[in-house]
């Protein structure tokens, strides 16, 4: 049986708010991010069909986003390191200008071939895709016929969608729509995990305008 998956990007973190590269750093939510997470908690009980399982990246910003949802639903959370954001290596904590200054050539090489060339000291998009898809396929196999909610990262969501041919944008494509904080993406994962149907592209229509952030 197919599995219904709702993928939620974490709320705004303190480094999202100031434009610093996060990667796999243990950065907490900002005050606005906590408001976004609390709002998700109020919506969780109304999701249909009812959510039967919760999975989450083990990074702080995802854990804090999941907390109000788990409390509202009364479900345990399974944490999986494979759902982490891409490892940005030496770029972690740097602003856009600092990245260009200290690692401009390496960053440009990654942008040209993101699936093959890693971020300096970090991962390629292929690395991110492989572990993200592996985790999602295992989740689907563990919950056939159920609705599962996953809190993860924008990079992870985009690579899962690309793997299944559901996202016609490549990394660093300037006209690619953003996967925004606490956006919802819904897909139906086929039994066996070899195909998926996109039911809802990354969407923030469930949020009030004052809680929508990049």
N, C-alpha and C. Protein backbone atom coordinates (compact mmCIF):
# COMPACT_ATOMS: atom_id res chain seq x y z
N UNK A 1 0.83 -1.20 0.00
CA UNK A 1 0.00 0.00 0.00
C UNK A 1 0.87 1.26 0.00
N UNK A 2 0.36 2.29 -0.61
CA UNK A 2 1.08 3.57 -0.65
C UNK A 2 1.07 4.24 0.72
N UNK A 3 2.02 5.13 0.93
CA UNK A 3 2.13 5.91 2.16
C UNK A 3 1.97 7.39 1.83
N UNK A 4 1.16 8.09 2.60
CA UNK A 4 1.01 9.53 2.45
C UNK A 4 2.04 10.21 3.34
N UNK A 5 2.83 11.09 2.76
CA UNK A 5 3.89 11.78 3.49
C UNK A 5 3.65 13.29 3.45
N UNK A 6 3.65 13.91 4.61
CA UNK A 6 3.67 15.38 4.71
C UNK A 6 5.06 15.78 5.18
N UNK A 7 5.80 16.46 4.31
CA UNK A 7 7.15 16.91 4.62
C UNK A 7 7.09 18.38 5.00
N UNK A 8 7.59 18.71 6.17
CA UNK A 8 7.56 20.09 6.66
C UNK A 8 8.99 20.58 6.87
N UNK A 9 9.29 21.72 6.27
CA UNK A 9 10.58 22.34 6.56
C UNK A 9 10.50 23.00 7.94
N UNK A 10 11.61 22.96 8.66
CA UNK A 10 11.67 23.54 10.01
C UNK A 10 11.32 25.02 10.01
N UNK A 11 11.02 25.54 11.18
CA UNK A 11 10.76 26.96 11.33
C UNK A 11 12.01 27.80 11.17
N UNK A 12 11.81 29.10 11.12
CA UNK A 12 12.94 30.01 10.97
C UNK A 12 13.91 29.87 12.15
N UNK A 13 15.19 29.69 11.85
CA UNK A 13 16.21 29.62 12.90
C UNK A 13 16.85 30.99 13.08
N UNK A 14 17.66 31.13 14.10
CA UNK A 14 18.32 32.41 14.32
C UNK A 14 19.32 32.71 13.21
N UNK A 15 19.88 31.68 12.58
CA UNK A 15 20.79 31.92 11.45
C UNK A 15 20.02 32.14 10.16
N UNK A 16 18.85 31.51 9.98
CA UNK A 16 18.00 31.89 8.84
C UNK A 16 17.74 33.39 8.87
N UNK A 17 17.42 33.87 10.05
CA UNK A 17 17.01 35.27 10.20
C UNK A 17 18.10 36.26 9.82
N UNK A 18 19.38 35.87 9.98
CA UNK A 18 20.48 36.79 9.67
C UNK A 18 21.28 36.37 8.45
N UNK A 19 20.83 35.30 7.75
CA UNK A 19 21.45 34.91 6.50
C UNK A 19 22.79 34.23 6.62
N UNK A 20 22.92 33.32 7.61
CA UNK A 20 24.16 32.56 7.75
C UNK A 20 23.94 31.10 7.36
N UNK A 21 24.98 30.50 6.77
CA UNK A 21 24.90 29.11 6.32
C UNK A 21 24.84 28.19 7.53
N UNK A 22 23.84 27.33 7.58
CA UNK A 22 23.63 26.50 8.77
C UNK A 22 24.19 25.09 8.62
N UNK A 23 23.90 24.46 7.49
CA UNK A 23 24.33 23.09 7.33
C UNK A 23 23.81 22.22 8.46
N UNK A 24 24.73 21.55 9.14
CA UNK A 24 24.34 20.62 10.20
C UNK A 24 24.65 21.17 11.60
N UNK A 25 24.73 22.47 11.71
CA UNK A 25 24.98 23.09 13.00
C UNK A 25 23.74 23.04 13.89
N UNK A 26 23.92 22.96 15.21
CA UNK A 26 22.79 22.85 16.15
C UNK A 26 22.19 24.21 16.49
N UNK A 27 21.60 24.85 15.49
CA UNK A 27 21.09 26.21 15.66
C UNK A 27 19.61 26.17 16.04
N UNK A 28 19.21 26.91 17.09
CA UNK A 28 17.81 26.90 17.53
C UNK A 28 16.93 27.81 16.68
N UNK A 29 15.64 27.70 16.89
CA UNK A 29 14.68 28.56 16.22
C UNK A 29 14.77 29.99 16.76
N UNK A 30 14.43 30.92 15.90
CA UNK A 30 14.25 32.31 16.33
C UNK A 30 12.90 32.43 17.03
N UNK A 31 12.62 33.59 17.57
CA UNK A 31 11.31 33.81 18.19
C UNK A 31 10.20 33.62 17.16
N UNK A 32 10.39 34.12 15.95
CA UNK A 32 9.40 33.92 14.90
C UNK A 32 9.27 32.44 14.54
N UNK A 33 10.41 31.75 14.53
CA UNK A 33 10.38 30.31 14.25
C UNK A 33 9.58 29.55 15.29
N UNK A 34 9.69 29.96 16.55
CA UNK A 34 8.90 29.31 17.60
C UNK A 34 7.41 29.59 17.41
N UNK A 35 7.08 30.79 16.94
CA UNK A 35 5.69 31.10 16.64
C UNK A 35 5.18 30.23 15.49
N UNK A 36 6.01 30.05 14.47
CA UNK A 36 5.63 29.18 13.35
C UNK A 36 5.38 27.75 13.83
N UNK A 37 6.27 27.25 14.68
CA UNK A 37 6.13 25.89 15.19
C UNK A 37 4.87 25.74 16.03
N UNK A 38 4.60 26.73 16.87
CA UNK A 38 3.39 26.68 17.70
C UNK A 38 2.14 26.67 16.82
N UNK A 39 2.17 27.42 15.74
CA UNK A 39 1.03 27.45 14.84
C UNK A 39 0.82 26.09 14.19
N UNK A 40 1.91 25.44 13.80
CA UNK A 40 1.79 24.09 13.25
C UNK A 40 1.15 23.14 14.25
N UNK A 41 1.49 23.31 15.51
CA UNK A 41 0.89 22.46 16.53
C UNK A 41 -0.62 22.60 16.59
N UNK A 42 -1.12 23.83 16.37
CA UNK A 42 -2.57 24.04 16.41
C UNK A 42 -3.25 23.41 15.20
N UNK A 43 -2.52 23.24 14.11
CA UNK A 43 -3.10 22.67 12.89
C UNK A 43 -3.02 21.15 12.84
N UNK A 44 -2.12 20.58 13.62
CA UNK A 44 -1.80 19.17 13.48
C UNK A 44 -3.00 18.25 13.68
N UNK A 45 -3.87 18.59 14.64
CA UNK A 45 -5.00 17.72 14.92
C UNK A 45 -5.99 17.67 13.76
N UNK A 46 -5.98 18.70 12.92
CA UNK A 46 -6.94 18.75 11.83
C UNK A 46 -6.46 18.13 10.53
N UNK A 47 -5.23 17.64 10.49
CA UNK A 47 -4.72 17.04 9.26
C UNK A 47 -5.49 15.78 8.93
N UNK A 48 -5.82 15.64 7.64
CA UNK A 48 -6.57 14.47 7.18
C UNK A 48 -5.86 13.83 5.98
N UNK A 49 -5.84 12.49 5.98
CA UNK A 49 -6.24 11.61 7.08
C UNK A 49 -5.35 11.82 8.30
N UNK A 50 -5.77 11.36 9.46
CA UNK A 50 -4.99 11.60 10.68
C UNK A 50 -3.55 11.09 10.56
N UNK A 51 -2.64 11.84 11.13
CA UNK A 51 -1.22 11.44 11.15
C UNK A 51 -1.02 10.30 12.14
N UNK A 52 -0.31 9.27 11.70
CA UNK A 52 -0.10 8.08 12.54
C UNK A 52 1.34 7.92 13.02
N UNK A 53 2.27 8.69 12.43
CA UNK A 53 3.67 8.56 12.84
C UNK A 53 4.40 9.86 12.56
N UNK A 54 5.43 10.13 13.38
CA UNK A 54 6.22 11.35 13.27
C UNK A 54 7.70 10.99 13.14
N UNK A 55 8.35 11.62 12.17
CA UNK A 55 9.79 11.47 11.98
C UNK A 55 10.41 12.85 11.88
N UNK A 56 11.70 12.94 12.25
CA UNK A 56 12.31 14.27 12.35
C UNK A 56 13.83 14.18 12.18
N UNK A 57 14.40 15.16 11.50
CA UNK A 57 15.85 15.36 11.55
C UNK A 57 16.26 15.56 13.01
N UNK A 58 17.46 15.11 13.34
CA UNK A 58 17.90 15.23 14.74
C UNK A 58 18.51 16.59 15.05
N UNK A 59 18.53 17.52 14.10
CA UNK A 59 19.09 18.83 14.36
C UNK A 59 18.12 19.70 15.17
N UNK A 60 18.68 20.62 15.95
CA UNK A 60 17.90 21.38 16.93
C UNK A 60 16.72 22.11 16.32
N UNK A 61 16.91 22.76 15.19
CA UNK A 61 15.82 23.55 14.61
C UNK A 61 14.63 22.69 14.17
N UNK A 62 14.91 21.44 13.80
CA UNK A 62 13.82 20.52 13.47
C UNK A 62 13.16 19.95 14.73
N UNK A 63 13.97 19.61 15.71
CA UNK A 63 13.42 19.11 16.98
C UNK A 63 12.46 20.13 17.59
N UNK A 64 12.87 21.41 17.58
CA UNK A 64 12.03 22.45 18.18
C UNK A 64 10.76 22.68 17.36
N UNK A 65 10.85 22.50 16.04
CA UNK A 65 9.66 22.62 15.20
C UNK A 65 8.69 21.48 15.45
N UNK A 66 9.22 20.29 15.65
CA UNK A 66 8.38 19.11 15.85
C UNK A 66 7.69 19.11 17.22
N UNK A 67 8.28 19.73 18.22
CA UNK A 67 7.78 19.60 19.58
C UNK A 67 6.29 19.93 19.73
N UNK A 68 5.80 21.08 19.24
CA UNK A 68 4.36 21.37 19.39
C UNK A 68 3.47 20.38 18.63
N UNK A 69 3.96 19.87 17.52
CA UNK A 69 3.19 18.90 16.74
C UNK A 69 3.05 17.60 17.52
N UNK A 70 4.16 17.13 18.07
CA UNK A 70 4.14 15.88 18.83
C UNK A 70 3.26 16.01 20.07
N UNK A 71 3.32 17.18 20.73
CA UNK A 71 2.48 17.38 21.91
C UNK A 71 1.01 17.39 21.53
N UNK A 72 0.67 18.01 20.39
CA UNK A 72 -0.73 18.08 19.97
C UNK A 72 -1.28 16.71 19.60
N UNK A 73 -0.45 15.90 18.95
CA UNK A 73 -0.91 14.60 18.47
C UNK A 73 -0.71 13.48 19.48
N UNK A 74 0.13 13.71 20.48
CA UNK A 74 0.39 12.68 21.46
C UNK A 74 1.11 11.47 20.89
N UNK A 75 1.99 11.73 19.91
CA UNK A 75 2.72 10.65 19.26
C UNK A 75 4.22 10.75 19.57
N UNK A 76 4.91 9.61 19.62
CA UNK A 76 6.36 9.65 19.80
C UNK A 76 7.03 10.13 18.51
N UNK A 77 8.23 10.66 18.65
CA UNK A 77 9.00 11.15 17.51
C UNK A 77 10.20 10.24 17.29
N UNK A 78 10.38 9.84 16.05
CA UNK A 78 11.57 9.07 15.67
C UNK A 78 12.54 10.02 14.98
N UNK A 79 13.76 10.14 15.52
CA UNK A 79 14.77 11.05 14.98
C UNK A 79 15.73 10.28 14.08
N UNK A 80 16.08 10.87 12.94
CA UNK A 80 16.91 10.18 11.96
C UNK A 80 17.94 11.17 11.42
N UNK A 81 19.23 10.87 11.62
CA UNK A 81 20.29 11.77 11.18
C UNK A 81 20.33 11.89 9.66
N UNK A 82 19.78 10.91 8.95
CA UNK A 82 19.78 10.97 7.48
C UNK A 82 18.90 12.08 6.95
N UNK A 83 18.01 12.60 7.77
CA UNK A 83 17.12 13.68 7.37
C UNK A 83 17.74 15.07 7.59
N UNK A 84 19.03 15.11 7.95
CA UNK A 84 19.72 16.38 8.16
C UNK A 84 19.88 17.14 6.84
N UNK A 85 20.11 18.45 6.99
CA UNK A 85 20.46 19.30 5.85
C UNK A 85 21.83 18.91 5.31
N UNK A 86 22.15 19.40 4.12
CA UNK A 86 23.46 19.14 3.54
C UNK A 86 24.56 19.68 4.46
N UNK A 87 25.66 18.96 4.51
CA UNK A 87 26.84 19.40 5.27
C UNK A 87 27.55 20.47 4.44
N UNK A 88 27.59 21.70 4.97
CA UNK A 88 28.20 22.80 4.22
C UNK A 88 29.68 22.98 4.54
N UNK A 89 30.25 22.10 5.36
CA UNK A 89 31.68 22.12 5.62
C UNK A 89 32.16 23.43 6.21
N UNK A 90 33.21 23.99 5.59
CA UNK A 90 33.84 25.20 6.14
C UNK A 90 32.97 26.44 5.98
N UNK A 91 31.87 26.32 5.26
CA UNK A 91 30.99 27.48 5.08
C UNK A 91 30.06 27.69 6.26
N UNK A 92 30.01 26.74 7.16
CA UNK A 92 29.08 26.81 8.28
C UNK A 92 29.28 28.08 9.10
N UNK A 93 28.19 28.81 9.28
CA UNK A 93 28.22 30.02 10.08
C UNK A 93 28.58 31.28 9.31
N UNK A 94 28.92 31.14 8.02
CA UNK A 94 29.33 32.31 7.25
C UNK A 94 28.13 32.98 6.58
N UNK A 95 28.22 34.28 6.40
CA UNK A 95 27.23 35.00 5.62
C UNK A 95 27.52 34.79 4.13
N UNK A 96 26.60 35.22 3.27
CA UNK A 96 26.81 35.08 1.83
C UNK A 96 28.09 35.79 1.39
N UNK A 97 28.28 37.01 1.87
CA UNK A 97 29.48 37.76 1.49
C UNK A 97 30.75 37.09 1.97
N UNK A 98 30.71 36.54 3.17
CA UNK A 98 31.88 35.84 3.72
C UNK A 98 32.18 34.57 2.93
N UNK A 99 31.15 33.86 2.51
CA UNK A 99 31.36 32.65 1.71
C UNK A 99 32.06 33.00 0.40
N UNK A 100 31.61 34.07 -0.24
CA UNK A 100 32.23 34.47 -1.51
C UNK A 100 33.67 34.92 -1.30
N UNK A 101 33.94 35.56 -0.18
CA UNK A 101 35.28 36.07 0.10
C UNK A 101 36.26 34.95 0.42
N UNK A 102 35.85 34.00 1.28
CA UNK A 102 36.78 33.00 1.77
C UNK A 102 36.80 31.70 0.96
N UNK A 103 35.72 31.44 0.21
CA UNK A 103 35.65 30.16 -0.51
C UNK A 103 34.95 30.33 -1.85
N UNK A 104 35.17 31.46 -2.49
CA UNK A 104 34.45 31.77 -3.72
C UNK A 104 34.67 30.77 -4.84
N UNK A 105 35.93 30.37 -5.06
CA UNK A 105 36.22 29.44 -6.16
C UNK A 105 35.62 28.07 -5.90
N UNK A 106 35.77 27.58 -4.68
CA UNK A 106 35.22 26.26 -4.34
C UNK A 106 33.70 26.27 -4.42
N UNK A 107 33.09 27.35 -3.98
CA UNK A 107 31.65 27.46 -4.03
C UNK A 107 31.16 27.53 -5.47
N UNK A 108 31.89 28.24 -6.32
CA UNK A 108 31.53 28.33 -7.73
C UNK A 108 31.62 26.96 -8.40
N UNK A 109 32.64 26.19 -8.04
CA UNK A 109 32.78 24.84 -8.61
C UNK A 109 31.62 23.96 -8.20
N UNK A 110 31.20 24.06 -6.96
CA UNK A 110 30.03 23.30 -6.50
C UNK A 110 28.77 23.73 -7.24
N UNK A 111 28.60 25.01 -7.44
CA UNK A 111 27.41 25.49 -8.13
C UNK A 111 27.34 24.99 -9.57
N UNK A 112 28.51 24.85 -10.21
CA UNK A 112 28.53 24.36 -11.59
C UNK A 112 28.15 22.88 -11.66
N UNK A 113 28.62 22.10 -10.68
CA UNK A 113 28.36 20.65 -10.68
C UNK A 113 27.99 20.19 -9.27
N UNK A 114 26.82 20.58 -8.78
CA UNK A 114 26.47 20.31 -7.38
C UNK A 114 26.31 18.83 -7.04
N UNK A 115 26.02 18.01 -8.04
CA UNK A 115 25.86 16.58 -7.76
C UNK A 115 27.22 15.88 -7.65
N UNK A 116 28.24 16.48 -8.21
CA UNK A 116 29.56 15.83 -8.25
C UNK A 116 30.59 16.51 -7.35
N UNK A 117 30.55 17.83 -7.27
CA UNK A 117 31.56 18.58 -6.52
C UNK A 117 31.00 18.94 -5.15
N UNK A 118 31.67 18.52 -4.08
CA UNK A 118 31.14 18.84 -2.74
C UNK A 118 31.36 20.30 -2.37
N UNK A 119 30.53 20.78 -1.46
CA UNK A 119 30.83 22.04 -0.82
C UNK A 119 32.16 21.88 -0.08
N UNK A 120 32.97 22.92 0.02
CA UNK A 120 34.31 22.76 0.60
C UNK A 120 34.25 22.19 2.02
N UNK A 121 34.79 20.99 2.16
CA UNK A 121 34.76 20.30 3.45
C UNK A 121 33.44 19.64 3.77
N UNK A 122 32.49 19.64 2.82
CA UNK A 122 31.15 19.12 3.09
C UNK A 122 30.70 18.07 2.09
N UNK A 123 29.42 18.11 1.73
CA UNK A 123 28.81 17.09 0.90
C UNK A 123 28.47 17.60 -0.50
N UNK A 124 28.22 16.67 -1.40
CA UNK A 124 27.60 16.97 -2.68
C UNK A 124 26.09 16.86 -2.52
N UNK A 125 25.36 17.37 -3.52
CA UNK A 125 23.91 17.18 -3.51
C UNK A 125 23.56 15.71 -3.69
N UNK A 126 24.42 14.96 -4.36
CA UNK A 126 24.18 13.53 -4.51
C UNK A 126 24.23 12.83 -3.15
N UNK A 127 25.17 13.25 -2.30
CA UNK A 127 25.24 12.69 -0.94
C UNK A 127 23.95 12.97 -0.18
N UNK A 128 23.51 14.23 -0.25
CA UNK A 128 22.28 14.63 0.43
C UNK A 128 21.10 13.83 -0.10
N UNK A 129 21.01 13.69 -1.42
CA UNK A 129 19.88 12.96 -2.01
C UNK A 129 19.88 11.50 -1.58
N UNK A 130 21.03 10.86 -1.61
CA UNK A 130 21.10 9.44 -1.30
C UNK A 130 20.58 9.14 0.10
N UNK A 131 21.04 9.89 1.09
CA UNK A 131 20.62 9.57 2.45
C UNK A 131 19.18 10.03 2.72
N UNK A 132 18.77 11.13 2.12
CA UNK A 132 17.39 11.61 2.32
C UNK A 132 16.39 10.62 1.74
N UNK A 133 16.64 10.19 0.51
CA UNK A 133 15.73 9.24 -0.15
C UNK A 133 15.72 7.91 0.59
N UNK A 134 16.89 7.45 1.02
CA UNK A 134 16.96 6.20 1.77
C UNK A 134 16.06 6.27 3.00
N UNK A 135 16.12 7.37 3.73
CA UNK A 135 15.30 7.53 4.93
C UNK A 135 13.82 7.55 4.58
N UNK A 136 13.44 8.30 3.55
CA UNK A 136 12.02 8.43 3.18
C UNK A 136 11.46 7.10 2.71
N UNK A 137 12.22 6.36 1.93
CA UNK A 137 11.75 5.06 1.45
C UNK A 137 11.56 4.09 2.62
N UNK A 138 12.47 4.12 3.58
CA UNK A 138 12.32 3.26 4.76
C UNK A 138 11.11 3.66 5.58
N UNK A 139 10.86 4.94 5.71
CA UNK A 139 9.67 5.41 6.43
C UNK A 139 8.41 4.90 5.74
N UNK A 140 8.37 5.03 4.42
CA UNK A 140 7.21 4.54 3.69
C UNK A 140 6.99 3.05 3.89
N UNK A 141 8.06 2.27 3.85
CA UNK A 141 7.94 0.83 4.03
C UNK A 141 7.45 0.46 5.42
N UNK A 142 7.78 1.28 6.40
CA UNK A 142 7.37 1.00 7.78
C UNK A 142 5.93 1.39 8.07
N UNK A 143 5.31 2.20 7.18
CA UNK A 143 3.96 2.71 7.45
C UNK A 143 3.06 2.63 6.22
N UNK A 144 2.89 1.45 5.66
CA UNK A 144 2.03 1.33 4.48
C UNK A 144 0.59 1.72 4.80
N UNK A 145 0.00 2.51 3.91
CA UNK A 145 -1.40 2.90 4.09
C UNK A 145 -1.63 3.97 5.14
N UNK A 146 -0.56 4.52 5.73
CA UNK A 146 -0.71 5.51 6.79
C UNK A 146 -0.26 6.89 6.33
N UNK A 147 -0.60 7.89 7.14
CA UNK A 147 -0.17 9.27 6.93
C UNK A 147 0.95 9.56 7.92
N UNK A 148 2.12 9.92 7.39
CA UNK A 148 3.31 10.17 8.20
C UNK A 148 3.75 11.61 8.00
N UNK A 149 4.07 12.29 9.10
CA UNK A 149 4.56 13.67 9.05
C UNK A 149 6.06 13.67 9.35
N UNK A 150 6.82 14.35 8.50
CA UNK A 150 8.27 14.41 8.62
C UNK A 150 8.72 15.86 8.68
N UNK A 151 9.45 16.23 9.72
CA UNK A 151 10.05 17.57 9.80
C UNK A 151 11.52 17.45 9.40
N UNK A 152 11.89 18.18 8.36
CA UNK A 152 13.25 18.08 7.84
C UNK A 152 13.69 19.44 7.31
N UNK A 153 14.49 19.46 6.26
CA UNK A 153 15.13 20.68 5.78
C UNK A 153 14.80 20.93 4.32
N UNK A 154 14.97 22.18 3.89
CA UNK A 154 14.66 22.53 2.52
C UNK A 154 15.48 21.74 1.51
N UNK A 155 16.76 21.57 1.78
CA UNK A 155 17.60 20.80 0.88
C UNK A 155 17.15 19.36 0.77
N UNK A 156 16.81 18.77 1.89
CA UNK A 156 16.37 17.38 1.90
C UNK A 156 15.07 17.20 1.11
N UNK A 157 14.12 18.11 1.32
CA UNK A 157 12.85 18.03 0.61
C UNK A 157 13.07 18.16 -0.90
N UNK A 158 13.89 19.13 -1.30
CA UNK A 158 14.10 19.33 -2.73
C UNK A 158 14.75 18.13 -3.38
N UNK A 159 15.69 17.48 -2.70
CA UNK A 159 16.36 16.33 -3.30
C UNK A 159 15.46 15.10 -3.35
N UNK A 160 14.58 14.94 -2.38
CA UNK A 160 13.60 13.86 -2.45
C UNK A 160 12.70 14.07 -3.67
N UNK A 161 12.23 15.30 -3.86
CA UNK A 161 11.36 15.58 -5.00
C UNK A 161 12.09 15.39 -6.32
N UNK A 162 13.35 15.81 -6.39
CA UNK A 162 14.12 15.62 -7.62
C UNK A 162 14.33 14.14 -7.92
N UNK A 163 14.59 13.37 -6.90
CA UNK A 163 14.80 11.94 -7.10
C UNK A 163 13.61 11.29 -7.80
N UNK A 164 12.42 11.70 -7.44
CA UNK A 164 11.21 11.11 -8.02
C UNK A 164 10.72 11.88 -9.25
N UNK A 165 11.51 12.83 -9.74
CA UNK A 165 11.13 13.57 -10.92
C UNK A 165 9.99 14.54 -10.71
N UNK A 166 9.84 15.05 -9.48
CA UNK A 166 8.70 15.89 -9.13
C UNK A 166 9.07 17.37 -8.98
N UNK A 167 10.33 17.71 -9.16
CA UNK A 167 10.80 19.08 -8.94
C UNK A 167 11.67 19.48 -10.11
N UNK A 168 11.15 20.29 -11.04
CA UNK A 168 11.87 20.58 -12.29
C UNK A 168 12.92 21.67 -12.15
N UNK A 169 13.56 21.75 -11.00
CA UNK A 169 14.55 22.79 -10.75
C UNK A 169 15.85 22.13 -10.29
N UNK A 170 16.96 22.69 -10.72
CA UNK A 170 18.25 22.18 -10.29
C UNK A 170 18.81 23.07 -9.19
N UNK A 171 19.73 22.54 -8.37
CA UNK A 171 20.33 23.36 -7.31
C UNK A 171 20.93 24.65 -7.88
N UNK A 172 20.71 25.73 -7.17
CA UNK A 172 21.22 27.06 -7.52
C UNK A 172 20.49 27.68 -8.71
N UNK A 173 19.41 27.06 -9.19
CA UNK A 173 18.64 27.65 -10.27
C UNK A 173 17.94 28.91 -9.75
N UNK A 174 18.19 30.04 -10.39
CA UNK A 174 17.77 31.32 -9.81
C UNK A 174 16.26 31.49 -9.79
N UNK A 175 15.54 30.84 -10.68
CA UNK A 175 14.08 31.01 -10.70
C UNK A 175 13.34 29.89 -9.98
N UNK A 176 14.08 29.06 -9.24
CA UNK A 176 13.42 27.99 -8.48
C UNK A 176 12.66 28.60 -7.31
N UNK A 177 11.41 28.21 -7.10
CA UNK A 177 10.66 28.75 -5.97
C UNK A 177 11.26 28.28 -4.65
N UNK A 178 11.22 29.09 -3.61
CA UNK A 178 11.81 28.69 -2.33
C UNK A 178 10.97 27.64 -1.63
N UNK A 179 11.62 26.81 -0.85
CA UNK A 179 10.91 25.92 0.08
C UNK A 179 10.98 26.62 1.42
N UNK A 180 9.91 27.26 1.80
CA UNK A 180 9.93 28.22 2.89
C UNK A 180 9.79 27.55 4.26
N UNK A 181 10.14 28.30 5.29
CA UNK A 181 10.04 27.80 6.66
C UNK A 181 8.61 27.36 6.96
N UNK A 182 8.48 26.19 7.53
CA UNK A 182 7.22 25.53 7.90
C UNK A 182 6.26 25.37 6.73
N UNK A 183 6.81 25.32 5.50
CA UNK A 183 5.98 24.96 4.35
C UNK A 183 5.64 23.47 4.43
N UNK A 184 4.54 23.10 3.76
CA UNK A 184 4.11 21.70 3.66
C UNK A 184 4.31 21.21 2.23
N UNK A 185 4.84 20.01 2.10
CA UNK A 185 4.91 19.31 0.82
C UNK A 185 4.29 17.94 1.04
N UNK A 186 3.34 17.57 0.20
CA UNK A 186 2.67 16.28 0.39
C UNK A 186 2.88 15.41 -0.83
N UNK A 187 3.24 14.16 -0.57
CA UNK A 187 3.38 13.21 -1.67
C UNK A 187 2.89 11.85 -1.25
N UNK A 188 2.49 11.09 -2.25
CA UNK A 188 2.06 9.70 -2.04
C UNK A 188 3.16 8.80 -2.55
N UNK A 189 3.79 8.08 -1.63
CA UNK A 189 4.91 7.21 -1.96
C UNK A 189 4.39 5.81 -2.25
N UNK A 190 4.69 5.32 -3.44
CA UNK A 190 4.20 4.01 -3.85
C UNK A 190 4.82 2.90 -3.01
N UNK A 191 4.10 1.81 -2.90
CA UNK A 191 4.63 0.63 -2.22
C UNK A 191 5.93 0.21 -2.89
N UNK A 192 6.94 -0.02 -2.10
CA UNK A 192 8.25 -0.35 -2.64
C UNK A 192 9.16 0.86 -2.78
N UNK A 193 8.58 2.07 -2.73
CA UNK A 193 9.37 3.29 -2.73
C UNK A 193 10.02 3.65 -4.06
N UNK A 194 9.54 3.05 -5.16
CA UNK A 194 10.18 3.31 -6.45
C UNK A 194 9.50 4.42 -7.25
N UNK A 195 8.43 5.00 -6.73
CA UNK A 195 7.73 6.09 -7.41
C UNK A 195 6.96 6.90 -6.39
N UNK A 196 6.65 8.14 -6.75
CA UNK A 196 5.88 9.00 -5.86
C UNK A 196 5.05 9.97 -6.69
N UNK A 197 3.93 10.38 -6.13
CA UNK A 197 3.03 11.35 -6.75
C UNK A 197 3.01 12.60 -5.88
N UNK A 198 3.21 13.76 -6.49
CA UNK A 198 3.19 15.01 -5.76
C UNK A 198 1.75 15.50 -5.61
N UNK A 199 1.28 15.55 -4.38
CA UNK A 199 -0.08 15.99 -4.10
C UNK A 199 -0.15 17.47 -3.78
N UNK A 200 0.91 18.00 -3.18
CA UNK A 200 0.97 19.42 -2.83
C UNK A 200 2.42 19.86 -2.90
N UNK A 201 2.78 20.74 -3.85
CA UNK A 201 4.15 21.26 -3.89
C UNK A 201 4.40 22.15 -2.67
N UNK A 202 5.65 22.45 -2.38
CA UNK A 202 5.96 23.25 -1.18
C UNK A 202 5.05 24.47 -1.06
N UNK A 203 4.31 24.54 0.04
CA UNK A 203 3.17 25.45 0.14
C UNK A 203 3.09 26.06 1.54
N UNK A 204 2.73 27.34 1.60
CA UNK A 204 2.57 28.02 2.89
C UNK A 204 1.16 28.58 3.07
N UNK A 205 0.18 28.07 2.31
CA UNK A 205 -1.17 28.61 2.39
C UNK A 205 -1.82 28.36 3.75
N UNK A 206 -1.25 27.44 4.53
CA UNK A 206 -1.79 27.15 5.86
C UNK A 206 -1.33 28.18 6.89
N UNK A 207 -0.37 29.05 6.52
CA UNK A 207 0.19 30.01 7.46
C UNK A 207 -0.42 31.39 7.28
N UNK A 208 -0.62 32.15 8.36
CA UNK A 208 -0.96 33.57 8.21
C UNK A 208 0.22 34.32 7.62
N UNK A 209 -0.04 35.40 6.93
CA UNK A 209 1.01 36.10 6.18
C UNK A 209 2.18 36.55 7.06
N UNK A 210 1.90 36.89 8.30
CA UNK A 210 2.98 37.38 9.17
C UNK A 210 3.93 36.27 9.61
N UNK A 211 3.60 35.02 9.33
CA UNK A 211 4.47 33.91 9.72
C UNK A 211 5.20 33.30 8.52
N UNK A 212 5.06 33.88 7.34
CA UNK A 212 5.72 33.33 6.16
C UNK A 212 7.10 33.94 6.02
N UNK A 213 8.14 33.07 6.02
CA UNK A 213 9.52 33.52 5.89
C UNK A 213 10.24 32.58 4.94
N UNK A 214 11.39 33.05 4.46
CA UNK A 214 12.22 32.23 3.58
C UNK A 214 13.01 31.19 4.38
